[in-house]
């Protein structure tokens, strides 16, 4: 499994600030040989694993780490994913994955976008949107998100404003 490099928020003055949306939460990964398939590129299923890892890194940065979610008996579960693969990630690549929340006031459902880029040239390799539903962990039932989730997972106004001009997944 690829080793995550330290996460970071992309600085505003980044000269390669060509992310689809402003202010991404970014995690970098060095592609691991175990993620390469018979076609000599990162297997498509790996992208969803990366999404989960980046979403948890972002959630933790927002104050909603796994221990906190368990204490609330609440969690966000993936119910739908849409992926547009544009270019392959290859052996030896370092990829950076940015994520944003897209729901203004999440209640039961929330939408998150990801953009995967090759770090060496900032080429976008994939765009992904995942719809999540808030679950009561003890029962597995969909429930209204607690205040902590609604506050942490609310989309930034500047992200929502930029969404109209962003590439579609």
N, C-alpha and C. Protein backbone atom coordinates (compact mmCIF):
# COMPACT_ATOMS: atom_id res chain seq x y z
N UNK A 1 0.85 -1.17 0.00
CA UNK A 1 0.00 0.00 0.00
C UNK A 1 0.89 1.23 0.00
N UNK A 2 0.50 2.24 -0.80
CA UNK A 2 1.31 3.45 -0.90
C UNK A 2 1.41 4.14 0.44
N UNK A 3 2.58 4.69 0.67
CA UNK A 3 2.83 5.40 1.91
C UNK A 3 2.39 6.84 1.76
N UNK A 4 1.48 7.31 2.62
CA UNK A 4 1.10 8.72 2.51
C UNK A 4 2.26 9.59 2.97
N UNK A 5 2.50 10.63 2.22
CA UNK A 5 3.47 11.63 2.61
C UNK A 5 2.69 12.66 3.42
N UNK A 6 3.33 13.56 4.13
CA UNK A 6 2.58 14.48 4.99
C UNK A 6 1.49 15.23 4.23
N UNK A 7 0.32 15.36 4.87
CA UNK A 7 -0.78 16.11 4.24
C UNK A 7 -0.52 17.59 4.42
N UNK A 8 -1.17 18.37 3.56
CA UNK A 8 -1.01 19.81 3.64
C UNK A 8 -2.19 20.46 2.96
N UNK A 9 -2.47 21.65 3.36
CA UNK A 9 -3.42 22.47 2.60
C UNK A 9 -2.59 23.18 1.54
N UNK A 10 -3.06 23.21 0.32
CA UNK A 10 -2.30 23.86 -0.75
C UNK A 10 -2.23 25.36 -0.46
N UNK A 11 -1.01 25.92 -0.42
CA UNK A 11 -0.90 27.34 -0.12
C UNK A 11 -1.50 28.19 -1.23
N UNK A 12 -2.06 29.34 -0.84
CA UNK A 12 -2.71 30.22 -1.80
C UNK A 12 -1.73 30.72 -2.85
N UNK A 13 -0.46 30.91 -2.48
CA UNK A 13 0.51 31.45 -3.43
C UNK A 13 1.26 30.36 -4.19
N UNK A 14 0.76 29.14 -4.16
CA UNK A 14 1.37 28.03 -4.89
C UNK A 14 1.36 28.36 -6.38
N UNK A 15 2.53 28.43 -7.04
CA UNK A 15 2.56 28.79 -8.46
C UNK A 15 1.85 27.75 -9.33
N UNK A 16 1.71 26.51 -8.84
CA UNK A 16 0.99 25.49 -9.60
C UNK A 16 -0.41 25.32 -9.04
N UNK A 17 -1.03 26.41 -8.65
CA UNK A 17 -2.35 26.37 -8.03
C UNK A 17 -3.40 26.13 -9.10
N UNK A 18 -3.27 25.01 -9.78
CA UNK A 18 -4.21 24.69 -10.85
C UNK A 18 -5.17 23.59 -10.41
N UNK A 19 -5.51 23.60 -9.13
CA UNK A 19 -6.53 22.68 -8.66
C UNK A 19 -7.87 23.12 -9.23
N UNK A 20 -8.79 22.19 -9.37
CA UNK A 20 -10.11 22.51 -9.91
C UNK A 20 -10.86 23.50 -9.03
N UNK A 21 -10.66 23.42 -7.72
CA UNK A 21 -11.38 24.25 -6.76
C UNK A 21 -10.39 24.86 -5.77
N UNK A 22 -10.76 25.94 -5.11
CA UNK A 22 -9.82 26.59 -4.17
C UNK A 22 -9.69 25.83 -2.85
N UNK A 23 -8.56 26.01 -2.22
CA UNK A 23 -8.28 25.54 -0.87
C UNK A 23 -8.47 24.03 -0.67
N UNK A 24 -7.81 23.19 -1.46
CA UNK A 24 -7.95 21.75 -1.25
C UNK A 24 -7.19 21.30 0.00
N UNK A 25 -7.67 20.23 0.59
CA UNK A 25 -6.88 19.51 1.60
C UNK A 25 -6.11 18.48 0.78
N UNK A 26 -4.79 18.47 0.87
CA UNK A 26 -3.96 17.68 -0.03
C UNK A 26 -3.15 16.63 0.74
N UNK A 27 -3.17 15.42 0.21
CA UNK A 27 -2.32 14.33 0.71
C UNK A 27 -1.54 13.79 -0.48
N UNK A 28 -0.25 13.54 -0.26
CA UNK A 28 0.62 12.99 -1.32
C UNK A 28 0.89 11.52 -1.04
N UNK A 29 0.94 10.73 -2.12
CA UNK A 29 1.23 9.31 -2.02
C UNK A 29 2.35 8.95 -2.99
N UNK A 30 3.26 8.12 -2.54
CA UNK A 30 4.22 7.50 -3.45
C UNK A 30 3.58 6.19 -3.89
N UNK A 31 3.42 6.00 -5.19
CA UNK A 31 2.80 4.78 -5.71
C UNK A 31 3.64 3.57 -5.29
N UNK A 32 2.97 2.58 -4.75
CA UNK A 32 3.62 1.36 -4.29
C UNK A 32 3.54 0.29 -5.39
N UNK A 33 4.56 -0.53 -5.49
CA UNK A 33 4.57 -1.59 -6.52
C UNK A 33 3.36 -2.52 -6.39
N UNK A 34 2.86 -2.74 -5.17
CA UNK A 34 1.71 -3.62 -4.96
C UNK A 34 0.43 -3.05 -5.56
N UNK A 35 0.41 -1.75 -5.88
CA UNK A 35 -0.77 -1.12 -6.45
C UNK A 35 -0.80 -1.18 -7.97
N UNK A 36 0.26 -1.68 -8.56
CA UNK A 36 0.37 -1.77 -10.02
C UNK A 36 -0.25 -3.08 -10.50
N UNK A 37 -1.08 -2.99 -11.54
CA UNK A 37 -1.72 -4.21 -12.06
C UNK A 37 -1.02 -4.72 -13.32
N UNK A 38 -1.63 -5.67 -13.97
CA UNK A 38 -1.05 -6.30 -15.15
C UNK A 38 -0.86 -5.33 -16.31
N UNK A 39 -1.59 -4.25 -16.31
CA UNK A 39 -1.45 -3.26 -17.37
C UNK A 39 -0.37 -2.23 -17.07
N UNK A 40 0.35 -2.42 -15.99
CA UNK A 40 1.48 -1.59 -15.57
C UNK A 40 1.08 -0.16 -15.17
N UNK A 41 -0.11 -0.05 -14.60
CA UNK A 41 -0.53 1.22 -14.00
C UNK A 41 -1.26 0.93 -12.70
N UNK A 42 -1.52 1.97 -11.92
CA UNK A 42 -2.23 1.78 -10.66
C UNK A 42 -3.61 1.21 -10.96
N UNK A 43 -3.95 0.13 -10.28
CA UNK A 43 -5.25 -0.51 -10.46
C UNK A 43 -6.36 0.47 -10.08
N UNK A 44 -7.43 0.45 -10.84
CA UNK A 44 -8.53 1.39 -10.61
C UNK A 44 -9.10 1.32 -9.20
N UNK A 45 -9.14 0.14 -8.60
CA UNK A 45 -9.70 0.00 -7.25
C UNK A 45 -8.88 0.76 -6.21
N UNK A 46 -7.61 0.97 -6.48
CA UNK A 46 -6.73 1.67 -5.54
C UNK A 46 -7.20 3.11 -5.31
N UNK A 47 -7.76 3.72 -6.34
CA UNK A 47 -8.20 5.11 -6.21
C UNK A 47 -9.24 5.26 -5.09
N UNK A 48 -10.12 4.28 -4.93
CA UNK A 48 -11.12 4.35 -3.86
C UNK A 48 -10.45 4.19 -2.49
N UNK A 49 -9.42 3.37 -2.42
CA UNK A 49 -8.66 3.25 -1.17
C UNK A 49 -8.00 4.58 -0.84
N UNK A 50 -7.41 5.21 -1.85
CA UNK A 50 -6.81 6.53 -1.63
C UNK A 50 -7.86 7.53 -1.16
N UNK A 51 -9.05 7.50 -1.76
CA UNK A 51 -10.12 8.41 -1.35
C UNK A 51 -10.44 8.24 0.13
N UNK A 52 -10.54 7.01 0.57
CA UNK A 52 -10.86 6.76 1.98
C UNK A 52 -9.77 7.33 2.88
N UNK A 53 -8.52 7.09 2.51
CA UNK A 53 -7.41 7.58 3.33
C UNK A 53 -7.36 9.11 3.36
N UNK A 54 -7.61 9.75 2.23
CA UNK A 54 -7.59 11.21 2.16
C UNK A 54 -8.79 11.78 2.93
N UNK A 55 -9.96 11.15 2.79
CA UNK A 55 -11.15 11.62 3.52
C UNK A 55 -10.90 11.54 5.03
N UNK A 56 -10.29 10.45 5.49
CA UNK A 56 -10.00 10.34 6.93
C UNK A 56 -8.97 11.37 7.36
N UNK A 57 -7.96 11.61 6.53
CA UNK A 57 -6.95 12.62 6.87
C UNK A 57 -7.61 13.99 6.99
N UNK A 58 -8.49 14.31 6.05
CA UNK A 58 -9.20 15.58 6.07
C UNK A 58 -10.13 15.65 7.28
N UNK A 59 -10.89 14.59 7.53
CA UNK A 59 -11.81 14.57 8.67
C UNK A 59 -11.06 14.77 9.98
N UNK A 60 -9.92 14.11 10.10
CA UNK A 60 -9.10 14.26 11.31
C UNK A 60 -8.63 15.70 11.46
N UNK A 61 -8.22 16.31 10.34
CA UNK A 61 -7.79 17.71 10.38
C UNK A 61 -8.94 18.63 10.78
N UNK A 62 -10.17 18.23 10.49
CA UNK A 62 -11.35 19.01 10.86
C UNK A 62 -11.83 18.71 12.27
N UNK A 63 -11.14 17.80 12.98
CA UNK A 63 -11.50 17.45 14.35
C UNK A 63 -12.43 16.27 14.47
N UNK A 64 -12.63 15.53 13.37
CA UNK A 64 -13.52 14.37 13.39
C UNK A 64 -12.76 13.09 13.06
N UNK A 65 -11.77 12.77 13.88
CA UNK A 65 -11.03 11.54 13.70
C UNK A 65 -11.87 10.32 14.07
N UNK A 66 -11.32 9.15 13.86
CA UNK A 66 -12.06 7.91 14.09
C UNK A 66 -12.54 7.78 15.54
N UNK A 67 -11.69 8.10 16.51
CA UNK A 67 -12.08 7.97 17.92
C UNK A 67 -13.26 8.88 18.24
N UNK A 68 -13.26 10.09 17.70
CA UNK A 68 -14.36 11.03 17.95
C UNK A 68 -15.66 10.49 17.33
N UNK A 69 -15.56 9.98 16.11
CA UNK A 69 -16.75 9.42 15.46
C UNK A 69 -17.31 8.24 16.26
N UNK A 70 -16.43 7.38 16.74
CA UNK A 70 -16.88 6.24 17.55
C UNK A 70 -17.55 6.71 18.83
N UNK A 71 -17.01 7.76 19.45
CA UNK A 71 -17.62 8.27 20.69
C UNK A 71 -19.01 8.85 20.43
N UNK A 72 -19.24 9.37 19.22
CA UNK A 72 -20.56 9.92 18.86
C UNK A 72 -21.51 8.84 18.34
N UNK A 73 -20.98 7.64 18.08
CA UNK A 73 -21.74 6.55 17.46
C UNK A 73 -22.26 6.97 16.08
N UNK A 74 -21.43 7.76 15.38
CA UNK A 74 -21.81 8.24 14.05
C UNK A 74 -20.62 8.11 13.11
N UNK A 75 -20.93 7.89 11.83
CA UNK A 75 -19.90 7.82 10.80
C UNK A 75 -20.51 8.10 9.45
N UNK A 76 -19.64 8.40 8.49
CA UNK A 76 -20.08 8.67 7.13
C UNK A 76 -19.70 7.46 6.27
N UNK A 77 -20.68 6.91 5.56
CA UNK A 77 -20.46 5.73 4.72
C UNK A 77 -20.66 6.10 3.25
N UNK A 78 -19.79 5.58 2.41
CA UNK A 78 -19.86 5.79 0.96
C UNK A 78 -21.08 5.05 0.42
N UNK A 79 -21.96 5.79 -0.26
CA UNK A 79 -23.12 5.15 -0.90
C UNK A 79 -23.08 5.23 -2.42
N UNK A 80 -22.26 6.14 -2.97
CA UNK A 80 -22.16 6.25 -4.42
C UNK A 80 -20.85 6.94 -4.77
N UNK A 81 -20.18 6.40 -5.77
CA UNK A 81 -18.93 7.01 -6.24
C UNK A 81 -18.99 7.15 -7.75
N UNK A 82 -18.55 8.30 -8.24
CA UNK A 82 -18.42 8.54 -9.66
C UNK A 82 -16.97 8.90 -9.92
N UNK A 83 -16.34 8.17 -10.86
CA UNK A 83 -14.92 8.37 -11.12
C UNK A 83 -14.70 8.60 -12.61
N UNK A 84 -13.94 9.64 -12.91
CA UNK A 84 -13.50 9.90 -14.28
C UNK A 84 -11.99 9.72 -14.30
N UNK A 85 -11.53 8.62 -14.89
CA UNK A 85 -10.09 8.37 -15.03
C UNK A 85 -9.63 9.05 -16.32
N UNK A 86 -8.63 9.91 -16.21
CA UNK A 86 -8.17 10.69 -17.35
C UNK A 86 -6.81 10.23 -17.86
N UNK A 87 -5.91 9.89 -16.95
CA UNK A 87 -4.56 9.42 -17.26
C UNK A 87 -4.18 8.40 -16.21
N UNK A 88 -3.30 7.46 -16.53
CA UNK A 88 -2.91 6.47 -15.52
C UNK A 88 -1.84 6.99 -14.57
N UNK A 89 -1.90 6.52 -13.32
CA UNK A 89 -0.78 6.69 -12.39
C UNK A 89 0.13 5.49 -12.64
N UNK A 90 1.42 5.75 -12.69
CA UNK A 90 2.40 4.73 -13.12
C UNK A 90 3.39 4.40 -12.02
N UNK A 91 4.12 3.28 -12.18
CA UNK A 91 5.14 2.94 -11.20
C UNK A 91 6.12 4.10 -11.03
N UNK A 92 6.46 4.39 -9.79
CA UNK A 92 7.39 5.46 -9.50
C UNK A 92 6.76 6.84 -9.34
N UNK A 93 5.49 6.98 -9.70
CA UNK A 93 4.82 8.28 -9.57
C UNK A 93 4.61 8.64 -8.10
N UNK A 94 4.62 9.92 -7.84
CA UNK A 94 4.10 10.47 -6.60
C UNK A 94 2.85 11.21 -7.01
N UNK A 95 1.74 10.90 -6.35
CA UNK A 95 0.48 11.57 -6.67
C UNK A 95 0.06 12.43 -5.49
N UNK A 96 -0.66 13.49 -5.80
CA UNK A 96 -1.23 14.32 -4.76
C UNK A 96 -2.73 14.33 -4.99
N UNK A 97 -3.45 14.22 -3.90
CA UNK A 97 -4.90 14.12 -3.97
C UNK A 97 -5.50 15.24 -3.14
N UNK A 98 -6.28 16.09 -3.82
CA UNK A 98 -6.97 17.17 -3.12
C UNK A 98 -8.42 16.78 -2.89
N UNK A 99 -8.99 17.26 -1.80
CA UNK A 99 -10.40 16.98 -1.52
C UNK A 99 -11.10 18.23 -1.01
N UNK A 100 -12.40 18.28 -1.29
CA UNK A 100 -13.27 19.37 -0.87
C UNK A 100 -14.64 18.80 -0.50
N UNK A 101 -15.29 19.44 0.44
CA UNK A 101 -16.69 19.13 0.74
C UNK A 101 -17.55 20.00 -0.18
N UNK A 102 -18.65 19.43 -0.70
CA UNK A 102 -19.49 20.15 -1.65
C UNK A 102 -20.91 20.38 -1.17
N UNK A 103 -21.24 19.98 0.05
CA UNK A 103 -22.60 20.14 0.55
C UNK A 103 -22.65 21.35 1.49
N UNK A 104 -23.52 22.34 1.20
CA UNK A 104 -23.55 23.55 2.03
C UNK A 104 -23.90 23.28 3.50
N UNK A 105 -24.88 22.45 3.77
CA UNK A 105 -25.30 22.14 5.14
C UNK A 105 -25.69 20.67 5.22
N UNK A 106 -24.70 19.79 5.34
CA UNK A 106 -25.01 18.36 5.33
C UNK A 106 -25.91 17.95 6.49
N UNK A 107 -26.93 17.19 6.17
CA UNK A 107 -27.84 16.69 7.21
C UNK A 107 -27.68 15.17 7.30
N UNK A 108 -28.19 14.44 6.34
CA UNK A 108 -28.00 12.99 6.31
C UNK A 108 -26.96 12.63 5.26
N UNK A 109 -26.97 13.34 4.13
CA UNK A 109 -26.04 13.06 3.03
C UNK A 109 -25.04 14.20 2.86
N UNK A 110 -23.86 13.84 2.38
CA UNK A 110 -22.82 14.83 2.08
C UNK A 110 -22.08 14.40 0.83
N UNK A 111 -21.61 15.37 0.07
CA UNK A 111 -20.87 15.09 -1.16
C UNK A 111 -19.45 15.63 -1.02
N UNK A 112 -18.50 14.80 -1.44
CA UNK A 112 -17.08 15.15 -1.37
C UNK A 112 -16.47 14.94 -2.74
N UNK A 113 -15.62 15.88 -3.17
CA UNK A 113 -14.91 15.74 -4.44
C UNK A 113 -13.43 15.52 -4.18
N UNK A 114 -12.82 14.76 -5.07
CA UNK A 114 -11.38 14.49 -5.04
C UNK A 114 -10.81 14.79 -6.42
N UNK A 115 -9.58 15.26 -6.44
CA UNK A 115 -8.83 15.43 -7.69
C UNK A 115 -7.48 14.77 -7.45
N UNK A 116 -7.10 13.87 -8.35
CA UNK A 116 -5.81 13.17 -8.25
C UNK A 116 -4.89 13.73 -9.32
N UNK A 117 -3.69 14.17 -8.89
CA UNK A 117 -2.72 14.74 -9.83
C UNK A 117 -1.37 14.04 -9.66
N UNK A 118 -0.63 13.97 -10.75
CA UNK A 118 0.76 13.52 -10.67
C UNK A 118 1.56 14.71 -10.15
N UNK A 119 2.33 14.52 -9.10
CA UNK A 119 3.03 15.63 -8.44
C UNK A 119 4.09 16.26 -9.34
N UNK A 120 4.74 15.47 -10.18
CA UNK A 120 5.86 16.00 -10.97
C UNK A 120 5.44 17.04 -12.01
N UNK A 121 4.23 16.94 -12.54
CA UNK A 121 3.81 17.88 -13.58
C UNK A 121 2.39 18.44 -13.38
N UNK A 122 1.76 18.10 -12.26
CA UNK A 122 0.41 18.58 -11.91
C UNK A 122 -0.67 18.14 -12.91
N UNK A 123 -0.39 17.10 -13.70
CA UNK A 123 -1.40 16.56 -14.61
C UNK A 123 -2.50 15.88 -13.80
N UNK A 124 -3.75 16.23 -14.09
CA UNK A 124 -4.87 15.58 -13.41
C UNK A 124 -5.04 14.18 -13.97
N UNK A 125 -5.03 13.20 -13.07
CA UNK A 125 -5.16 11.80 -13.45
C UNK A 125 -6.60 11.31 -13.31
N UNK A 126 -7.32 11.85 -12.33
CA UNK A 126 -8.70 11.41 -12.09
C UNK A 126 -9.44 12.47 -11.30
N UNK A 127 -10.76 12.46 -11.48
CA UNK A 127 -11.67 13.26 -10.67
C UNK A 127 -12.72 12.31 -10.12
N UNK A 128 -13.03 12.48 -8.85
CA UNK A 128 -13.92 11.55 -8.17
C UNK A 128 -14.90 12.34 -7.30
N UNK A 129 -16.15 11.93 -7.31
CA UNK A 129 -17.13 12.45 -6.36
C UNK A 129 -17.72 11.27 -5.62
N UNK A 130 -17.79 11.41 -4.30
CA UNK A 130 -18.36 10.36 -3.47
C UNK A 130 -19.48 10.97 -2.63
N UNK A 131 -20.63 10.31 -2.66
CA UNK A 131 -21.75 10.69 -1.81
C UNK A 131 -21.71 9.82 -0.57
N UNK A 132 -21.82 10.45 0.57
CA UNK A 132 -21.79 9.76 1.85
C UNK A 132 -23.13 9.93 2.55
N UNK A 133 -23.47 8.97 3.41
CA UNK A 133 -24.64 9.08 4.26
C UNK A 133 -24.16 8.92 5.70
N UNK A 134 -24.77 9.67 6.60
CA UNK A 134 -24.43 9.58 8.02
C UNK A 134 -25.14 8.36 8.61
N UNK A 135 -24.38 7.54 9.31
CA UNK A 135 -24.92 6.33 9.92
C UNK A 135 -24.79 6.37 11.43
N UNK A 136 -25.76 5.78 12.10
CA UNK A 136 -25.62 5.45 13.51
C UNK A 136 -24.85 4.14 13.51
N UNK A 137 -23.62 4.17 14.01
CA UNK A 137 -22.73 3.02 13.88
C UNK A 137 -23.26 1.77 14.58
N UNK A 138 -23.94 1.94 15.69
CA UNK A 138 -24.42 0.77 16.45
C UNK A 138 -25.55 0.04 15.74
N UNK A 139 -26.30 0.72 14.87
CA UNK A 139 -27.42 0.08 14.19
C UNK A 139 -27.25 -0.03 12.68
N UNK A 140 -26.36 0.80 12.12
CA UNK A 140 -26.19 0.83 10.66
C UNK A 140 -27.27 1.62 9.95
N UNK A 141 -28.12 2.32 10.69
CA UNK A 141 -29.21 3.09 10.09
C UNK A 141 -28.75 4.49 9.72
N UNK A 142 -29.28 5.00 8.60
CA UNK A 142 -29.03 6.38 8.21
C UNK A 142 -29.74 7.30 9.20
N UNK A 143 -29.01 8.32 9.66
CA UNK A 143 -29.56 9.27 10.63
C UNK A 143 -29.09 10.68 10.28
N UNK A 144 -29.73 11.65 10.91
CA UNK A 144 -29.31 13.05 10.75
C UNK A 144 -27.91 13.20 11.34
N UNK A 145 -27.09 13.95 10.64
CA UNK A 145 -25.72 14.19 11.10
C UNK A 145 -25.73 15.03 12.37
N UNK A 146 -24.86 14.73 13.32
CA UNK A 146 -24.77 15.57 14.52
C UNK A 146 -24.18 16.94 14.18
N UNK A 147 -24.35 17.90 15.08
CA UNK A 147 -23.87 19.26 14.86
C UNK A 147 -22.39 19.29 14.48
N UNK A 148 -21.58 18.44 15.12
CA UNK A 148 -20.15 18.42 14.82
C UNK A 148 -19.90 18.11 13.34
N UNK A 149 -20.66 17.17 12.79
CA UNK A 149 -20.51 16.80 11.38
C UNK A 149 -20.98 17.94 10.48
N UNK A 150 -22.15 18.50 10.80
CA UNK A 150 -22.71 19.57 9.98
C UNK A 150 -21.75 20.75 9.91
N UNK A 151 -21.15 21.11 11.04
CA UNK A 151 -20.22 22.24 11.06
C UNK A 151 -18.93 21.92 10.31
N UNK A 152 -18.35 20.75 10.57
CA UNK A 152 -17.06 20.40 9.97
C UNK A 152 -17.17 20.11 8.47
N UNK A 153 -18.25 19.48 8.05
CA UNK A 153 -18.37 19.04 6.66
C UNK A 153 -19.10 20.03 5.75
N UNK A 154 -19.45 21.19 6.25
CA UNK A 154 -20.11 22.20 5.40
C UNK A 154 -19.11 22.73 4.38
N UNK A 155 -19.55 22.83 3.15
CA UNK A 155 -18.68 23.33 2.07
C UNK A 155 -18.37 24.81 2.29
N UNK A 156 -17.16 25.20 1.93
CA UNK A 156 -16.77 26.60 1.98
C UNK A 156 -17.52 27.36 0.89
N UNK A 157 -17.88 28.61 1.17
CA UNK A 157 -18.60 29.43 0.18
C UNK A 157 -17.79 29.62 -1.09
N UNK A 158 -16.46 29.80 -0.97
CA UNK A 158 -15.65 30.01 -2.18
C UNK A 158 -15.55 28.75 -3.02
N UNK A 159 -15.63 27.59 -2.39
CA UNK A 159 -15.63 26.33 -3.14
C UNK A 159 -16.94 26.19 -3.90
N UNK A 160 -18.05 26.48 -3.24
CA UNK A 160 -19.35 26.40 -3.91
C UNK A 160 -19.43 27.38 -5.08
N UNK A 161 -18.88 28.58 -4.90
CA UNK A 161 -18.90 29.59 -5.97
C UNK A 161 -18.06 29.13 -7.17
N UNK A 162 -16.95 28.47 -6.90
CA UNK A 162 -16.06 28.02 -7.98
C UNK A 162 -16.56 26.76 -8.66
N UNK A 163 -17.47 26.05 -8.02
CA UNK A 163 -17.94 24.76 -8.54
C UNK A 163 -18.58 24.88 -9.92
N UNK A 164 -19.27 25.97 -10.18
CA UNK A 164 -19.95 26.14 -11.48
C UNK A 164 -18.95 26.13 -12.65
N UNK A 165 -17.74 26.61 -12.43
CA UNK A 165 -16.75 26.64 -13.50
C UNK A 165 -15.78 25.49 -13.49
N UNK A 166 -15.94 24.57 -12.55
CA UNK A 166 -15.02 23.44 -12.42
C UNK A 166 -15.38 22.31 -13.39
N UNK A 167 -14.41 21.51 -13.78
CA UNK A 167 -14.70 20.35 -14.63
C UNK A 167 -15.72 19.42 -13.95
N UNK A 168 -16.55 18.81 -14.73
CA UNK A 168 -17.57 17.89 -14.22
C UNK A 168 -16.97 16.50 -14.08
N UNK A 169 -17.37 15.81 -13.03
CA UNK A 169 -16.91 14.43 -12.83
C UNK A 169 -17.82 13.50 -13.61
